[in-house]
N, C-alpha and C. Protein backbone atom coordinates (compact mmCIF):
# COMPACT_ATOMS: atom_id res chain seq x y z
N MET A 1 109.68 99.53 19.38
CA MET A 1 108.17 99.95 18.64
C MET A 1 108.02 101.87 19.04
N GLY A 2 108.20 102.78 18.38
CA GLY A 2 107.65 104.35 19.59
C GLY A 2 105.96 104.26 18.12
N PHE A 3 105.70 105.51 17.71
CA PHE A 3 105.22 106.17 16.22
C PHE A 3 105.09 106.73 15.20
N ASN A 4 104.06 106.43 14.63
CA ASN A 4 104.47 106.69 13.12
C ASN A 4 103.37 107.74 13.51
N TYR A 5 103.54 108.63 12.11
CA TYR A 5 102.48 109.69 12.21
C TYR A 5 102.58 109.93 9.91
N ILE A 6 101.33 110.25 9.47
CA ILE A 6 100.32 111.21 8.01
C ILE A 6 100.50 111.98 8.44
N ILE A 7 101.06 113.85 7.74
CA ILE A 7 99.94 114.14 7.52
C ILE A 7 99.51 114.23 6.13
N PHE A 8 97.84 114.81 6.14
CA PHE A 8 97.21 115.39 5.48
C PHE A 8 96.43 115.99 4.83
N LYS A 9 96.51 116.85 3.74
CA LYS A 9 96.54 118.28 3.47
C LYS A 9 94.49 117.98 2.48
N LYS A 10 94.86 119.21 3.08
CA LYS A 10 93.47 119.85 1.16
C LYS A 10 93.22 121.06 1.69
N GLU A 11 92.66 121.41 0.66
CA GLU A 11 91.84 123.05 0.20
C GLU A 11 90.47 122.75 0.56
N ILE A 12 89.73 123.40 1.31
CA ILE A 12 89.23 124.21 1.49
C ILE A 12 88.42 125.32 1.95
N GLY A 13 88.37 125.59 0.06
CA GLY A 13 87.62 127.08 0.45
C GLY A 13 88.76 128.65 0.12
N GLY A 14 89.48 126.98 -0.19
CA GLY A 14 90.66 128.30 -0.88
C GLY A 14 91.69 128.11 0.89
N VAL A 15 91.78 127.58 1.55
CA VAL A 15 92.72 127.51 2.98
C VAL A 15 92.60 125.71 2.73
N VAL A 16 93.93 126.29 3.14
CA VAL A 16 94.51 124.92 2.71
C VAL A 16 94.66 124.11 4.61
N ARG A 17 94.93 122.88 4.28
CA ARG A 17 95.13 122.81 6.05
C ARG A 17 95.34 120.91 5.51
N GLU A 18 96.24 121.52 6.72
CA GLU A 18 97.57 120.17 7.06
C GLU A 18 96.61 119.33 8.54
N LEU A 19 96.29 118.43 8.11
CA LEU A 19 96.11 117.39 9.47
C LEU A 19 96.74 116.52 9.90
N PRO A 20 97.55 116.19 11.39
CA PRO A 20 98.61 115.21 11.39
C PRO A 20 97.61 114.10 11.92
N VAL A 21 98.43 113.01 11.67
CA VAL A 21 97.84 111.57 11.58
C VAL A 21 98.47 111.25 13.10
N ILE A 22 99.01 110.34 14.30
CA ILE A 22 99.68 110.15 15.03
C ILE A 22 98.85 108.36 15.35
N TYR A 23 99.33 107.38 15.23
CA TYR A 23 99.49 106.08 14.91
C TYR A 23 100.41 105.42 16.13
N PRO A 24 100.51 104.60 16.62
CA PRO A 24 101.01 103.11 17.48
C PRO A 24 102.67 103.01 15.82
N ASP A 25 103.40 102.09 15.51
CA ASP A 25 104.21 102.29 14.47
C ASP A 25 103.91 100.64 14.58
N MET A 26 103.15 99.34 15.10
CA MET A 26 102.70 98.49 15.23
C MET A 26 101.66 98.41 13.71
N LEU A 27 101.07 99.66 13.25
CA LEU A 27 100.81 99.35 11.92
C LEU A 27 101.37 100.63 11.37
N SER A 28 101.31 100.12 9.55
CA SER A 28 101.64 101.00 8.73
C SER A 28 101.26 101.42 8.38
N HIS A 29 102.66 102.54 7.76
CA HIS A 29 101.39 104.35 7.07
C HIS A 29 100.96 103.56 6.19
N SER A 30 100.94 102.52 4.81
CA SER A 30 100.03 102.73 3.67
C SER A 30 98.59 102.47 4.54
N ASP A 31 98.13 101.37 5.28
CA ASP A 31 97.26 100.56 6.16
C ASP A 31 96.35 101.85 6.70
N VAL A 32 97.20 102.31 7.69
CA VAL A 32 96.18 103.93 8.16
C VAL A 32 96.18 105.16 7.03
N ALA A 33 97.72 105.69 5.96
CA ALA A 33 96.28 106.24 4.80
C ALA A 33 95.27 105.65 4.82
N GLU A 34 94.58 104.54 3.83
CA GLU A 34 93.75 103.90 2.77
C GLU A 34 92.79 103.47 3.84
N SER A 35 92.89 103.55 6.07
CA SER A 35 91.95 103.84 6.50
C SER A 35 91.15 104.90 6.64
N MET A 36 91.94 105.93 6.48
CA MET A 36 91.26 107.64 6.98
C MET A 36 91.07 107.91 5.59
N SER A 37 90.63 107.08 4.38
CA SER A 37 90.52 107.49 3.04
C SER A 37 88.50 107.49 4.14
N VAL A 38 88.57 106.18 4.19
CA VAL A 38 87.06 106.29 4.62
C VAL A 38 86.42 106.62 6.04
N VAL A 39 87.40 107.50 6.71
CA VAL A 39 86.72 107.83 7.74
C VAL A 39 86.61 109.64 7.58
N PRO A 40 84.87 109.49 7.37
CA PRO A 40 83.82 111.34 8.64
C PRO A 40 83.98 111.90 8.40
N GLY A 41 85.21 112.71 7.87
CA GLY A 41 85.73 113.75 7.85
C GLY A 41 86.97 114.43 6.58
N MET A 42 87.58 112.46 6.53
CA MET A 42 88.29 112.99 5.88
C MET A 42 88.53 113.31 4.74
N LYS A 43 87.20 113.10 3.45
CA LYS A 43 87.14 113.32 1.71
C LYS A 43 88.22 114.20 1.75
N GLY A 44 88.80 114.12 0.37
CA GLY A 44 89.46 115.19 -0.64
C GLY A 44 90.93 115.21 0.97
N PHE A 45 90.94 115.08 1.88
CA PHE A 45 92.69 114.94 2.15
C PHE A 45 94.10 114.18 1.29
N THR A 46 94.42 113.60 0.95
CA THR A 46 95.68 113.44 0.55
C THR A 46 97.09 113.38 0.87
N PRO A 47 97.56 112.19 1.58
CA PRO A 47 98.78 112.50 1.84
C PRO A 47 99.54 112.93 1.51
N VAL A 48 100.81 113.84 2.16
CA VAL A 48 101.68 114.87 1.75
C VAL A 48 103.35 114.06 2.70
N SER A 49 103.32 113.67 3.70
CA SER A 49 104.42 113.46 4.31
C SER A 49 103.93 112.67 5.64
N ALA A 50 105.46 112.04 6.24
CA ALA A 50 105.16 110.76 6.91
C ALA A 50 106.04 110.06 6.91
N GLY A 51 106.51 109.66 8.49
CA GLY A 51 107.63 109.76 9.37
C GLY A 51 107.15 109.04 11.01
N GLN A 52 108.58 109.12 11.03
CA GLN A 52 108.53 108.29 13.34
C GLN A 52 108.13 109.15 13.54
N LEU A 53 107.49 109.23 14.98
CA LEU A 53 108.03 110.85 16.19
C LEU A 53 108.51 110.09 16.92
N GLN A 54 109.24 111.04 18.02
CA GLN A 54 108.71 110.29 19.02
C GLN A 54 107.84 111.67 20.55
N LEU A 55 107.73 110.77 20.86
CA LEU A 55 106.37 111.37 21.29
C LEU A 55 105.83 111.24 23.07
N VAL A 56 105.84 112.71 23.70
CA VAL A 56 106.14 112.75 24.83
C VAL A 56 104.99 113.20 25.50
N ALA A 57 104.13 112.49 25.86
CA ALA A 57 102.19 113.67 26.62
C ALA A 57 102.70 114.62 28.21
N GLU A 58 102.64 115.73 27.52
CA GLU A 58 102.61 116.30 29.20
C GLU A 58 101.48 115.77 29.93
N SER A 59 100.60 115.65 29.27
CA SER A 59 99.00 115.61 30.48
C SER A 59 98.41 114.96 29.31
N CYS A 60 97.12 114.95 29.86
CA CYS A 60 96.59 114.40 29.56
C CYS A 60 94.75 113.59 30.38
N SER A 61 93.60 114.83 29.69
CA SER A 61 92.57 115.26 30.25
C SER A 61 91.32 115.44 29.38
N GLY A 62 90.32 115.36 29.99
CA GLY A 62 89.14 115.35 28.68
C GLY A 62 88.53 114.38 29.26
N GLN A 63 87.76 114.32 27.59
CA GLN A 63 86.77 112.98 27.88
C GLN A 63 86.08 114.03 26.02
N SER A 64 85.24 112.40 25.63
CA SER A 64 85.29 111.71 24.35
C SER A 64 83.93 111.82 24.28
N ARG A 65 83.36 112.53 23.88
CA ARG A 65 81.31 112.95 23.89
C ARG A 65 81.18 111.82 23.69
N THR A 66 81.70 111.75 22.27
CA THR A 66 81.32 110.31 20.98
C THR A 66 81.39 109.04 21.19
N LEU A 67 82.30 109.20 22.27
CA LEU A 67 82.68 107.19 22.72
C LEU A 67 82.48 107.24 24.39
N ASN A 68 81.88 108.25 24.80
CA ASN A 68 80.94 107.97 26.20
C ASN A 68 82.22 108.09 27.33
N LEU A 69 83.70 108.45 27.29
CA LEU A 69 84.84 108.02 27.78
C LEU A 69 85.86 108.97 28.73
N SER A 70 86.30 108.99 29.24
CA SER A 70 87.01 109.88 29.88
C SER A 70 88.32 109.56 29.51
N SER A 71 89.13 111.15 30.30
CA SER A 71 90.41 110.01 30.37
C SER A 71 91.08 109.70 32.02
N ARG A 72 92.10 108.17 32.01
CA ARG A 72 92.87 108.30 32.81
C ARG A 72 93.77 109.01 33.16
N GLU A 73 93.43 110.22 32.67
CA GLU A 73 94.92 111.15 33.10
C GLU A 73 96.05 111.03 33.33
N ASP A 74 96.52 110.02 34.99
CA ASP A 74 98.18 110.16 34.57
C ASP A 74 98.40 108.06 34.02
N ASP A 75 97.63 107.42 34.39
CA ASP A 75 97.77 105.64 33.56
C ASP A 75 97.81 106.04 32.37
N ASP A 76 96.93 107.22 31.42
CA ASP A 76 97.07 107.39 30.15
C ASP A 76 98.51 107.45 29.90
N GLN A 77 98.67 108.76 30.40
CA GLN A 77 100.32 109.89 30.32
C GLN A 77 101.25 108.21 29.87
N ARG A 78 100.98 107.74 31.63
CA ARG A 78 102.34 107.32 31.91
C ARG A 78 102.66 106.33 30.87
N LEU A 79 100.78 105.26 30.50
CA LEU A 79 100.84 103.68 29.46
C LEU A 79 101.53 104.88 28.03
N ILE A 80 100.52 106.05 27.40
CA ILE A 80 101.58 106.56 26.04
C ILE A 80 103.26 107.04 26.08
N ASN A 81 103.65 108.06 27.08
CA ASN A 81 105.13 107.69 27.47
C ASN A 81 106.28 106.82 27.55
N ALA A 82 105.29 105.27 27.69
CA ALA A 82 106.23 104.56 28.37
C ALA A 82 105.92 103.34 26.49
N PHE A 83 105.12 103.99 26.35
CA PHE A 83 104.73 102.73 24.84
C PHE A 83 106.38 102.40 23.78
N PRO A 84 107.03 103.15 23.44
CA PRO A 84 107.92 102.96 23.09
C PRO A 84 109.06 102.22 23.68
N TYR A 85 109.25 101.73 24.98
CA TYR A 85 109.70 100.74 25.30
C TYR A 85 108.92 99.49 26.29
N ALA A 86 107.59 99.84 26.78
CA ALA A 86 106.87 98.81 27.08
C ALA A 86 105.87 97.80 25.98
N HIS A 87 105.66 98.42 24.71
CA HIS A 87 104.75 98.32 23.31
C HIS A 87 103.28 98.01 24.26
N GLY A 88 103.10 98.66 25.04
CA GLY A 88 101.42 99.20 25.43
C GLY A 88 101.09 97.61 26.45
N ILE A 89 102.46 96.69 26.75
CA ILE A 89 102.27 95.67 27.65
C ILE A 89 101.63 96.46 29.23
N ARG A 90 101.24 96.78 30.05
CA ARG A 90 101.20 96.58 31.67
C ARG A 90 101.57 95.38 32.54
């Protein structure tokens, strides 16, 4: 188990914008692409490429104002880097 990605593309005011979406490979490309079509801000974006990747988190920090959550820094970094081997099991 590792990570999948989809690159979505949209032209906005004459400028091409490409947006990578990375997620655990327990989710299918088609399900994620379909789900992203209803995410606010994603209207008009279309998938242009997809595949698998090896992800290494050098550091995790910051916070999400919309979720009112902070990074667990080292814990999050270890979980992300071990995900392909431990599948998210702690």
